[in-house]
Amino acid sequence: MVIDLIVACKTFKDTDQETRVLDIISMKCMEEEDSFEKKFLNSLLHDGPVKTCRMDDLNTIRSLPFHPSIKGVDVRLHLFTTIRYTDTEGIYNL
């Protein structure tokens, strides 16, 4: 079994916001701690829209009430951003 987890958000408002967000992610990537930004966001933004990991790797959502049987399951993280900042919805095809 593979779980598809879609991270959906608006695209960057402007180039200033894009620069600030990418700077924050870059700073997180230099830290020793394995943060969500370091492990996943940087990869999603730079390597492509899909990243595969294990459910165990998702420390940031581990506190959510997931059934124990999916603890070791593979997860595909998908990053979906809107086409325009003003968009309030979009379509993502798996």
Protein backbone atom coordinates (compact mmCIF):
# COMPACT_ATOMS: atom_id res chain seq x y z
CA MET A 1 0.00 0.00 0.00
CA VAL A 2 1.16 3.54 -0.76
CA ILE A 3 -0.49 6.62 0.71
CA ASP A 4 -0.66 9.77 -1.42
CA LEU A 5 -0.49 12.94 0.70
CA ILE A 6 -1.12 16.19 -1.16
CA VAL A 7 0.24 19.43 0.28
CA ALA A 8 -1.86 22.18 -1.30
CA CYS A 9 -1.12 25.88 -1.05
CA LYS A 10 -1.30 29.12 -2.94
CA THR A 11 1.56 30.01 -5.24
CA PHE A 12 3.86 32.85 -4.22
CA LYS A 13 2.22 36.28 -4.05
CA ASP A 14 5.22 37.97 -5.66
CA THR A 15 8.97 37.52 -6.11
CA ASP A 16 9.66 39.09 -2.68
CA GLN A 17 7.52 36.45 -0.96
CA GLU A 18 9.11 33.70 -3.04
CA THR A 19 12.58 34.89 -2.04
CA ARG A 20 11.63 35.05 1.67
CA VAL A 21 10.13 31.54 1.68
CA LEU A 22 13.07 30.02 -0.19
CA ASP A 23 15.49 31.77 2.20
CA ILE A 24 13.66 30.31 5.23
CA ILE A 25 13.77 26.83 3.70
CA SER A 26 17.47 27.25 2.87
CA MET A 27 18.24 28.34 6.45
CA LYS A 28 16.33 25.33 7.82
CA CYS A 29 18.32 23.05 5.53
CA MET A 30 21.57 24.24 7.12
CA GLU A 31 20.40 23.23 10.62
CA GLU A 32 21.41 19.88 12.07
CA GLU A 33 17.88 18.97 13.11
CA ASP A 34 15.89 16.95 10.57
CA SER A 35 12.99 19.35 10.17
CA PHE A 36 10.06 19.00 7.79
CA GLU A 37 11.50 21.88 5.77
CA LYS A 38 14.88 20.20 5.53
CA LYS A 39 13.65 16.74 4.63
CA PHE A 40 10.69 17.46 2.40
CA LEU A 41 9.94 21.06 1.40
CA ASN A 42 13.37 21.70 -0.07
CA SER A 43 13.16 18.48 -2.06
CA LEU A 44 9.60 19.18 -3.21
CA LEU A 45 10.49 22.68 -4.36
CA HIS A 46 13.77 21.82 -6.08
CA ASP A 47 13.65 18.17 -7.11
CA GLY A 48 10.08 17.91 -8.29
CA PRO A 49 6.51 17.78 -7.06
CA VAL A 50 6.63 14.21 -5.69
CA LYS A 51 8.77 12.88 -2.84
CA THR A 52 8.51 9.33 -1.49
CA CYS A 53 9.21 8.52 2.15
CA ARG A 54 7.95 6.29 4.96
CA MET A 55 5.08 7.29 7.24
CA ASP A 56 7.60 7.07 10.11
CA ASP A 57 9.56 9.97 8.55
CA LEU A 58 6.69 12.42 8.88
CA ASN A 59 7.42 13.62 12.40
CA THR A 60 5.35 16.76 11.95
CA ILE A 61 2.13 14.79 11.48
CA ARG A 62 2.98 11.80 13.66
CA SER A 63 0.86 13.22 16.50
CA LEU A 64 -2.26 12.91 14.34
CA PRO A 65 -4.45 9.87 15.06
CA PHE A 66 -3.28 7.55 12.27
CA HIS A 67 -4.01 3.85 12.60
CA PRO A 68 -0.91 1.90 13.80
CA SER A 69 -1.10 -0.41 10.77
CA ILE A 70 0.11 2.36 8.46
CA LYS A 71 3.17 3.25 10.54
CA GLY A 72 5.68 1.73 8.10
CA VAL A 73 3.77 2.43 4.90
CA ASP A 74 5.31 4.32 1.97
CA VAL A 75 3.99 7.83 1.47
CA ARG A 76 4.17 9.90 -1.69
CA LEU A 77 4.15 13.61 -0.88
CA HIS A 78 2.78 15.79 -3.66
CA LEU A 79 3.14 19.56 -3.73
CA PHE A 80 0.27 21.40 -5.40
CA THR A 81 0.32 25.16 -5.84
CA THR A 82 -2.29 27.32 -7.50
CA ILE A 83 -1.57 28.86 -10.89
CA ARG A 84 -2.26 32.39 -9.62
CA TYR A 85 -2.06 33.75 -6.08
CA THR A 86 -5.70 34.85 -6.26
CA ASP A 87 -6.95 31.33 -7.09
CA THR A 88 -8.96 29.65 -4.34
CA GLU A 89 -9.12 26.19 -5.90
CA GLY A 90 -7.38 23.99 -8.38
CA ILE A 91 -7.31 20.51 -9.84
CA TYR A 92 -4.51 18.06 -9.10
CA ASN A 93 -4.34 14.85 -11.12
CA LEU A 94 -2.56 11.91 -9.53
